[in-house]
PDB file of N, CA and C in Angstrom:
ATOM      1  N   UNK A   1    -133.858 136.027  40.425  1.00  0.00           N
ATOM      2  CA  UNK A   1    -132.647 136.806  40.571  1.00  0.00           C
ATOM      3  C   UNK A   1    -131.683 136.109  41.534  1.00  0.00           C
ATOM      4  N   UNK A   2    -130.424 136.162  41.179  1.00  0.00           N
ATOM      5  CA  UNK A   2    -129.394 135.561  42.017  1.00  0.00           C
ATOM      6  C   UNK A   2    -129.000 136.526  43.127  1.00  0.00           C
ATOM      7  N   UNK A   3    -128.691 135.969  44.279  1.00  0.00           N
ATOM      8  CA  UNK A   3    -128.221 136.803  45.384  1.00  0.00           C
ATOM      9  C   UNK A   3    -126.714 136.986  45.274  1.00  0.00           C
ATOM     10  N   UNK A   4    -126.204 138.016  45.964  1.00  0.00           N
ATOM     11  CA  UNK A   4    -124.769 138.290  45.939  1.00  0.00           C
ATOM     12  C   UNK A   4    -123.999 137.139  46.575  1.00  0.00           C
ATOM     13  N   UNK A   5    -122.808 136.957  46.087  1.00  0.00           N
ATOM     14  CA  UNK A   5    -121.914 135.924  46.598  1.00  0.00           C
ATOM     15  C   UNK A   5    -121.108 136.523  47.746  1.00  0.00           C
ATOM     16  N   UNK A   6    -120.858 135.697  48.768  1.00  0.00           N
ATOM     17  CA  UNK A   6    -120.000 136.151  49.863  1.00  0.00           C
ATOM     18  C   UNK A   6    -118.875 135.138  50.067  1.00  0.00           C
ATOM     19  N   UNK A   7    -117.874 135.556  50.796  1.00  0.00           N
ATOM     20  CA  UNK A   7    -116.657 134.747  50.955  1.00  0.00           C
ATOM     21  C   UNK A   7    -116.870 133.466  51.742  1.00  0.00           C
ATOM     22  N   UNK A   8    -117.989 133.348  52.440  1.00  0.00           N
ATOM     23  CA  UNK A   8    -118.258 132.156  53.240  1.00  0.00           C
ATOM     24  C   UNK A   8    -119.049 131.089  52.485  1.00  0.00           C
ATOM     25  N   UNK A   9    -119.427 131.389  51.245  1.00  0.00           N
ATOM     26  CA  UNK A   9    -120.122 130.389  50.428  1.00  0.00           C
ATOM     27  C   UNK A   9    -119.106 129.364  49.938  1.00  0.00           C
ATOM     28  N   UNK A  10    -119.560 128.121  49.782  1.00  0.00           N
ATOM     29  CA  UNK A  10    -118.665 127.102  49.240  1.00  0.00           C
ATOM     30  C   UNK A  10    -118.575 127.248  47.728  1.00  0.00           C
ATOM     31  N   UNK A  11    -117.509 126.714  47.159  1.00  0.00           N
ATOM     32  CA  UNK A  11    -117.379 126.728  45.702  1.00  0.00           C
ATOM     33  C   UNK A  11    -118.567 126.028  45.061  1.00  0.00           C
ATOM     34  N   UNK A  12    -119.033 124.942  45.675  1.00  0.00           N
ATOM     35  CA  UNK A  12    -120.176 124.203  45.132  1.00  0.00           C
ATOM     36  C   UNK A  12    -121.418 125.081  45.094  1.00  0.00           C
ATOM     37  N   UNK A  13    -121.671 125.817  46.168  1.00  0.00           N
ATOM     38  CA  UNK A  13    -122.838 126.707  46.194  1.00  0.00           C
ATOM     39  C   UNK A  13    -122.762 127.734  45.068  1.00  0.00           C
ATOM     40  N   UNK A  14    -121.588 128.281  44.850  1.00  0.00           N
ATOM     41  CA  UNK A  14    -121.409 129.288  43.803  1.00  0.00           C
ATOM     42  C   UNK A  14    -121.570 128.662  42.426  1.00  0.00           C
ATOM     43  N   UNK A  15    -120.934 127.519  42.203  1.00  0.00           N
ATOM     44  CA  UNK A  15    -121.003 126.855  40.899  1.00  0.00           C
ATOM     45  C   UNK A  15    -122.420 126.425  40.556  1.00  0.00           C
ATOM     46  N   UNK A  16    -123.196 126.057  41.563  1.00  0.00           N
ATOM     47  CA  UNK A  16    -124.569 125.610  41.327  1.00  0.00           C
ATOM     48  C   UNK A  16    -125.513 126.756  40.985  1.00  0.00           C
ATOM     49  N   UNK A  17    -125.097 127.994  41.194  1.00  0.00           N
ATOM     50  CA  UNK A  17    -125.963 129.144  40.944  1.00  0.00           C
ATOM     51  C   UNK A  17    -126.208 129.367  39.455  1.00  0.00           C
ATOM     52  N   UNK A  18    -125.155 129.196  38.639  1.00  0.00           N
ATOM     53  CA  UNK A  18    -125.270 129.472  37.202  1.00  0.00           C
ATOM     54  C   UNK A  18    -124.031 128.929  36.492  1.00  0.00           C
ATOM     55  N   UNK A  19    -124.213 128.524  35.237  1.00  0.00           N
ATOM     56  CA  UNK A  19    -123.091 127.999  34.446  1.00  0.00           C
ATOM     57  C   UNK A  19    -121.970 129.021  34.267  1.00  0.00           C
ATOM     58  N   UNK A  20    -122.319 130.300  34.143  1.00  0.00           N
ATOM     59  CA  UNK A  20    -121.290 131.329  33.974  1.00  0.00           C
ATOM     60  C   UNK A  20    -120.395 131.411  35.207  1.00  0.00           C
ATOM     61  N   UNK A  21    -120.984 131.228  36.371  1.00  0.00           N
ATOM     62  CA  UNK A  21    -120.194 131.236  37.606  1.00  0.00           C
ATOM     63  C   UNK A  21    -119.330 129.986  37.694  1.00  0.00           C
ATOM     64  N   UNK A  22    -119.871 128.856  37.262  1.00  0.00           N
ATOM     65  CA  UNK A  22    -119.098 127.614  37.206  1.00  0.00           C
ATOM     66  C   UNK A  22    -117.871 127.811  36.316  1.00  0.00           C
ATOM     67  N   UNK A  23    -118.087 128.422  35.151  1.00  0.00           N
ATOM     68  CA  UNK A  23    -116.988 128.651  34.211  1.00  0.00           C
ATOM     69  C   UNK A  23    -115.926 129.573  34.800  1.00  0.00           C
ATOM     70  N   UNK A  24    -116.364 130.615  35.508  1.00  0.00           N
ATOM     71  CA  UNK A  24    -115.398 131.551  36.098  1.00  0.00           C
ATOM     72  C   UNK A  24    -114.591 130.886  37.206  1.00  0.00           C
ATOM     73  N   UNK A  25    -115.245 130.080  38.034  1.00  0.00           N
ATOM     74  CA  UNK A  25    -114.539 129.342  39.093  1.00  0.00           C
ATOM     75  C   UNK A  25    -113.485 128.431  38.461  1.00  0.00           C
ATOM     76  N   UNK A  26    -113.861 127.765  37.375  1.00  0.00           N
ATOM     77  CA  UNK A  26    -112.916 126.890  36.666  1.00  0.00           C
ATOM     78  C   UNK A  26    -111.759 127.694  36.088  1.00  0.00           C
ATOM     79  N   UNK A  27    -112.074 128.835  35.481  1.00  0.00           N
ATOM     80  CA  UNK A  27    -111.064 129.680  34.854  1.00  0.00           C
ATOM     81  C   UNK A  27    -110.045 130.199  35.877  1.00  0.00           C
ATOM     82  N   UNK A  28    -110.511 130.427  37.097  1.00  0.00           N
ATOM     83  CA  UNK A  28    -109.619 130.913  38.153  1.00  0.00           C
ATOM     84  C   UNK A  28    -108.689 129.822  38.674  1.00  0.00           C
ATOM     85  N   UNK A  29    -108.928 128.578  38.252  1.00  0.00           N
ATOM     86  CA  UNK A  29    -108.033 127.485  38.605  1.00  0.00           C
ATOM     87  C   UNK A  29    -108.313 126.803  39.927  1.00  0.00           C
ATOM     88  N   UNK A  30    -109.514 127.008  40.459  1.00  0.00           N
ATOM     89  CA  UNK A  30    -109.857 126.335  41.708  1.00  0.00           C
ATOM     90  C   UNK A  30    -110.058 124.846  41.471  1.00  0.00           C
ATOM     91  N   UNK A  31    -109.749 124.046  42.470  1.00  0.00           N
ATOM     92  CA  UNK A  31    -109.971 122.601  42.418  1.00  0.00           C
ATOM     93  C   UNK A  31    -111.470 122.365  42.574  1.00  0.00           C
ATOM     94  N   UNK A  32    -112.153 122.133  41.467  1.00  0.00           N
ATOM     95  CA  UNK A  32    -113.612 122.020  41.514  1.00  0.00           C
ATOM     96  C   UNK A  32    -114.082 120.602  41.788  1.00  0.00           C
ATOM     97  N   UNK A  33    -113.154 119.697  41.920  1.00  0.00           N
ATOM     98  CA  UNK A  33    -113.531 118.321  42.218  1.00  0.00           C
ATOM     99  C   UNK A  33    -113.448 118.061  43.716  1.00  0.00           C
ATOM    100  N   UNK A  34    -112.255 118.079  44.232  1.00  0.00           N
ATOM    101  CA  UNK A  34    -112.037 117.700  45.634  1.00  0.00           C
ATOM    102  C   UNK A  34    -112.302 118.827  46.621  1.00  0.00           C
ATOM    103  N   UNK A  35    -112.072 120.069  46.208  1.00  0.00           N
ATOM    104  CA  UNK A  35    -112.149 121.181  47.159  1.00  0.00           C
ATOM    105  C   UNK A  35    -113.434 121.986  47.043  1.00  0.00           C
ATOM    106  N   UNK A  36    -114.423 121.472  46.314  1.00  0.00           N
ATOM    107  CA  UNK A  36    -115.614 122.284  46.081  1.00  0.00           C
ATOM    108  C   UNK A  36    -116.427 122.561  47.338  1.00  0.00           C
ATOM    109  N   UNK A  37    -116.160 121.853  48.427  1.00  0.00           N
ATOM    110  CA  UNK A  37    -116.875 122.120  49.673  1.00  0.00           C
ATOM    111  C   UNK A  37    -116.146 123.154  50.533  1.00  0.00           C
ATOM    112  N   UNK A  38    -115.003 123.629  50.059  1.00  0.00           N
ATOM    113  CA  UNK A  38    -114.279 124.693  50.762  1.00  0.00           C
ATOM    114  C   UNK A  38    -114.968 126.024  50.491  1.00  0.00           C
ATOM    115  N   UNK A  39    -114.804 126.955  51.416  1.00  0.00           N
ATOM    116  CA  UNK A  39    -115.365 128.285  51.192  1.00  0.00           C
ATOM    117  C   UNK A  39    -114.544 129.016  50.134  1.00  0.00           C
ATOM    118  N   UNK A  40    -115.155 130.032  49.566  1.00  0.00           N
ATOM    119  CA  UNK A  40    -114.451 130.853  48.594  1.00  0.00           C
ATOM    120  C   UNK A  40    -113.212 131.474  49.235  1.00  0.00           C
ATOM    121  N   UNK A  41    -113.357 131.952  50.455  1.00  0.00           N
ATOM    122  CA  UNK A  41    -112.231 132.573  51.161  1.00  0.00           C
ATOM    123  C   UNK A  41    -111.071 131.592  51.320  1.00  0.00           C
ATOM    124  N   UNK A  42    -111.353 130.391  51.810  1.00  0.00           N
ATOM    125  CA  UNK A  42    -110.296 129.395  52.003  1.00  0.00           C
ATOM    126  C   UNK A  42    -109.661 128.993  50.679  1.00  0.00           C
ATOM    127  N   UNK A  43    -110.474 128.861  49.649  1.00  0.00           N
ATOM    128  CA  UNK A  43    -109.957 128.483  48.329  1.00  0.00           C
ATOM    129  C   UNK A  43    -109.038 129.565  47.776  1.00  0.00           C
ATOM    130  N   UNK A  44    -109.422 130.834  47.962  1.00  0.00           N
ATOM    131  CA  UNK A  44    -108.571 131.938  47.511  1.00  0.00           C
ATOM    132  C   UNK A  44    -107.256 131.953  48.276  1.00  0.00           C
ATOM    133  N   UNK A  45    -107.332 131.770  49.580  1.00  0.00           N
ATOM    134  CA  UNK A  45    -106.113 131.766  50.395  1.00  0.00           C
ATOM    135  C   UNK A  45    -105.185 130.634  49.974  1.00  0.00           C
ATOM    136  N   UNK A  46    -105.752 129.459  49.680  1.00  0.00           N
ATOM    137  CA  UNK A  46    -104.949 128.313  49.236  1.00  0.00           C
ATOM    138  C   UNK A  46    -104.225 128.600  47.926  1.00  0.00           C
ATOM    139  N   UNK A  47    -104.860 129.369  47.031  1.00  0.00           N
ATOM    140  CA  UNK A  47    -104.278 129.655  45.714  1.00  0.00           C
ATOM    141  C   UNK A  47    -103.489 130.954  45.687  1.00  0.00           C
ATOM    142  N   UNK A  48    -103.508 131.684  46.801  1.00  0.00           N
ATOM    143  CA  UNK A  48    -102.796 132.960  46.838  1.00  0.00           C
ATOM    144  C   UNK A  48    -103.507 134.060  46.074  1.00  0.00           C
ATOM    145  N   UNK A  49    -104.826 133.938  45.934  1.00  0.00           N
ATOM    146  CA  UNK A  49    -105.615 134.946  45.230  1.00  0.00           C
ATOM    147  C   UNK A  49    -106.212 135.935  46.221  1.00  0.00           C
ATOM    148  N   UNK A  50    -106.406 137.161  45.769  1.00  0.00           N
ATOM    149  CA  UNK A  50    -107.026 138.191  46.591  1.00  0.00           C
ATOM    150  C   UNK A  50    -108.527 137.906  46.680  1.00  0.00           C
ATOM    151  N   UNK A  51    -109.006 137.655  47.887  1.00  0.00           N
ATOM    152  CA  UNK A  51    -110.406 137.273  48.101  1.00  0.00           C
ATOM    153  C   UNK A  51    -111.345 138.351  47.574  1.00  0.00           C
ATOM    154  N   UNK A  52    -111.053 139.606  47.877  1.00  0.00           N
ATOM    155  CA  UNK A  52    -111.951 140.693  47.476  1.00  0.00           C
ATOM    156  C   UNK A  52    -112.018 140.838  45.959  1.00  0.00           C
ATOM    157  N   UNK A  53    -110.888 140.678  45.277  1.00  0.00           N
ATOM    158  CA  UNK A  53    -110.881 140.770  43.813  1.00  0.00           C
ATOM    159  C   UNK A  53    -111.712 139.653  43.192  1.00  0.00           C
ATOM    160  N   UNK A  54    -111.565 138.441  43.701  1.00  0.00           N
ATOM    161  CA  UNK A  54    -112.341 137.308  43.186  1.00  0.00           C
ATOM    162  C   UNK A  54    -113.822 137.523  43.477  1.00  0.00           C
ATOM    163  N   UNK A  55    -114.130 137.969  44.670  1.00  0.00           N
ATOM    164  CA  UNK A  55    -115.509 138.237  45.063  1.00  0.00           C
ATOM    165  C   UNK A  55    -116.125 139.307  44.165  1.00  0.00           C
ATOM    166  N   UNK A  56    -115.378 140.368  43.896  1.00  0.00           N
ATOM    167  CA  UNK A  56    -115.871 141.426  43.008  1.00  0.00           C
ATOM    168  C   UNK A  56    -116.163 140.881  41.621  1.00  0.00           C
ATOM    169  N   UNK A  57    -115.263 140.063  41.091  1.00  0.00           N
ATOM    170  CA  UNK A  57    -115.455 139.498  39.745  1.00  0.00           C
ATOM    171  C   UNK A  57    -116.691 138.608  39.698  1.00  0.00           C
ATOM    172  N   UNK A  58    -116.847 137.738  40.687  1.00  0.00           N
ATOM    173  CA  UNK A  58    -118.004 136.842  40.701  1.00  0.00           C
ATOM    174  C   UNK A  58    -119.301 137.629  40.848  1.00  0.00           C
ATOM    175  N   UNK A  59    -119.292 138.674  41.655  1.00  0.00           N
ATOM    176  CA  UNK A  59    -120.504 139.472  41.826  1.00  0.00           C
ATOM    177  C   UNK A  59    -120.808 140.334  40.607  1.00  0.00           C
ATOM    178  N   UNK A  60    -119.789 140.687  39.823  1.00  0.00           N
ATOM    179  CA  UNK A  60    -120.033 141.349  38.536  1.00  0.00           C
ATOM    180  C   UNK A  60    -120.818 140.414  37.620  1.00  0.00           C
ATOM    181  N   UNK A  61    -120.447 139.154  37.622  1.00  0.00           N
ATOM    182  CA  UNK A  61    -121.151 138.163  36.804  1.00  0.00           C
ATOM    183  C   UNK A  61    -122.583 138.004  37.294  1.00  0.00           C
ATOM    184  N   UNK A  62    -122.784 137.975  38.610  1.00  0.00           N
ATOM    185  CA  UNK A  62    -124.138 137.882  39.173  1.00  0.00           C
ATOM    186  C   UNK A  62    -124.975 139.067  38.700  1.00  0.00           C
ATOM    187  N   UNK A  63    -124.403 140.278  38.730  1.00  0.00           N
ATOM    188  CA  UNK A  63    -125.125 141.469  38.286  1.00  0.00           C
ATOM    189  C   UNK A  63    -125.488 141.372  36.808  1.00  0.00           C
ATOM    190  N   UNK A  64    -124.570 140.874  35.982  1.00  0.00           N
ATOM    191  CA  UNK A  64    -124.842 140.702  34.552  1.00  0.00           C
ATOM    192  C   UNK A  64    -125.987 139.718  34.333  1.00  0.00           C
ATOM    193  N   UNK A  65    -125.955 138.606  35.042  1.00  0.00           N
ATOM    194  CA  UNK A  65    -127.006 137.588  34.919  1.00  0.00           C
ATOM    195  C   UNK A  65    -128.346 138.178  35.337  1.00  0.00           C
ATOM    196  N   UNK A  66    -128.377 138.889  36.459  1.00  0.00           N
ATOM    197  CA  UNK A  66    -129.616 139.487  36.948  1.00  0.00           C
ATOM    198  C   UNK A  66    -130.148 140.538  35.979  1.00  0.00           C
ATOM    199  N   UNK A  67    -129.259 141.310  35.370  1.00  0.00           N
ATOM    200  CA  UNK A  67    -129.661 142.325  34.404  1.00  0.00           C
ATOM    201  C   UNK A  67    -130.311 141.675  33.183  1.00  0.00           C
ATOM    202  N   UNK A  68    -129.694 140.631  32.679  1.00  0.00           N
ATOM    203  CA  UNK A  68    -130.245 139.918  31.520  1.00  0.00           C
ATOM    204  C   UNK A  68    -131.601 139.313  31.857  1.00  0.00           C
ATOM    205  N   UNK A  69    -131.708 138.700  33.037  1.00  0.00           N
ATOM    206  CA  UNK A  69    -132.985 138.108  33.451  1.00  0.00           C
ATOM    207  C   UNK A  69    -134.070 139.170  33.580  1.00  0.00           C
ATOM    208  N   UNK A  70    -133.700 140.353  34.052  1.00  0.00           N
ATOM    209  CA  UNK A  70    -134.662 141.455  34.192  1.00  0.00           C
ATOM    210  C   UNK A  70    -135.174 141.889  32.825  1.00  0.00           C
ATOM    211  N   UNK A  71    -134.270 142.028  31.867  1.00  0.00           N
ATOM    212  CA  UNK A  71    -134.666 142.432  30.513  1.00  0.00           C
ATOM    213  C   UNK A  71    -135.594 141.391  29.895  1.00  0.00           C
ATOM    214  N   UNK A  72    -135.253 140.128  30.056  1.00  0.00           N
ATOM    215  CA  UNK A  72    -136.090 139.051  29.513  1.00  0.00           C
ATOM    216  C   UNK A  72    -137.472 139.090  30.142  1.00  0.00           C
ATOM    217  N   UNK A  73    -137.536 139.271  31.453  1.00  0.00           N
ATOM    218  CA  UNK A  73    -138.823 139.298  32.155  1.00  0.00           C
ATOM    219  C   UNK A  73    -139.673 140.482  31.709  1.00  0.00           C
ATOM    220  N   UNK A  74    -139.048 141.616  31.450  1.00  0.00           N
ATOM    221  CA  UNK A  74    -139.780 142.806  31.013  1.00  0.00           C
ATOM    222  C   UNK A  74    -140.350 142.643  29.615  1.00  0.00           C
ATOM    223  N   UNK A  75    -139.742 141.804  28.802  1.00  0.00           N
ATOM    224  CA  UNK A  75    -140.171 141.639  27.416  1.00  0.00           C
ATOM    225  C   UNK A  75    -141.078 140.442  27.197  1.00  0.00           C
ATOM    226  N   UNK A  76    -141.465 139.786  28.264  1.00  0.00           N
ATOM    227  CA  UNK A  76    -142.359 138.631  28.117  1.00  0.00           C
ATOM    228  C   UNK A  76    -143.798 139.068  28.145  1.00  0.00           C
TER     229      UNK A  76
END
């Protein structure tokens, strides 16, 4: 199970958690090459994005991933 994302995690840490999170970070337009060592909070501030809204969206994805993994584990 994936742990919740917080604003002090780096983009790299978040992207490395799961491909779906990598895709969402890319979709939000973050610089995933040069700025991936920046925290989520700093990256949001640089882009003018609401940190809490981005955090909520990423954690929704974490919950979806964890739910799917739970169902798979129960059916094995």
